[in-house]
Protein backbone atom coordinates (compact mmCIF):
# COMPACT_ATOMS: atom_id res chain seq x y z
CA UNK A 1 -3.16 8.87 -1.67
CA UNK A 2 -5.10 6.00 -0.13
CA UNK A 3 -4.22 2.39 0.69
CA UNK A 4 -5.53 -0.17 -1.84
CA UNK A 5 -6.53 -2.57 0.98
CA UNK A 6 -7.97 -0.51 3.86
CA UNK A 7 -8.68 2.79 2.05
CA UNK A 8 -7.01 4.85 4.80
CA UNK A 9 -4.97 7.86 3.82
CA UNK A 10 -1.25 7.12 3.54
CA UNK A 11 1.06 9.59 5.18
CA UNK A 12 3.87 11.20 3.23
CA UNK A 13 7.38 12.26 4.29
CA UNK A 14 8.70 15.77 3.74
CA UNK A 15 10.08 14.65 0.37
CA UNK A 16 6.59 13.51 -0.81
CA UNK A 17 7.46 9.79 -0.47
CA UNK A 18 4.78 7.57 1.02
CA UNK A 19 5.17 5.70 4.27
CA UNK A 20 4.38 2.31 2.81
CA UNK A 21 5.08 0.55 -0.46
CA UNK A 22 3.89 0.15 -4.02
CA UNK A 23 2.73 -3.30 -5.10
CA UNK A 24 2.48 -4.08 -8.82
CA UNK A 25 -0.42 -6.34 -9.76
CA UNK A 26 -1.81 -6.81 -13.29
CA UNK A 27 0.58 -4.11 -14.62
CA UNK A 28 -0.95 -1.51 -12.26
CA UNK A 29 0.79 0.11 -9.27
CA UNK A 30 -1.13 -0.01 -5.98
CA UNK A 31 -0.14 1.84 -2.80
CA UNK A 32 -0.18 -0.14 0.47
CA UNK A 33 0.21 1.42 3.89
CA UNK A 34 2.75 0.18 6.42
CA UNK A 35 0.07 -1.21 8.72
CA UNK A 36 -1.35 -3.47 5.98
CA UNK A 37 2.17 -4.53 5.10
CA UNK A 38 2.73 -5.77 8.62
CA UNK A 39 -0.73 -7.42 8.84
CA UNK A 40 -0.65 -9.21 5.41
CA UNK A 41 3.05 -10.04 4.99
CA UNK A 42 2.75 -13.02 2.73
CA UNK A 43 -0.49 -12.51 0.82
CA UNK A 44 -0.63 -8.75 0.11
CA UNK A 45 -1.23 -9.28 -3.60
CA UNK A 46 -4.27 -11.44 -2.87
CA UNK A 47 -5.85 -8.75 -0.64
CA UNK A 48 -5.61 -6.02 -3.30
CA UNK A 49 -8.95 -5.49 -5.02
């Protein structure tokens, strides 16, 4: 799975959960990595393409 902002591969835990978060925009679920979460705290939804 890739980040919707930076297109880097998102790591997974041993239980197949991503190390990041899912952001819902326009009724679609987008995966965001933890680095982008830290970088764009307040305006993550604006950065998603």
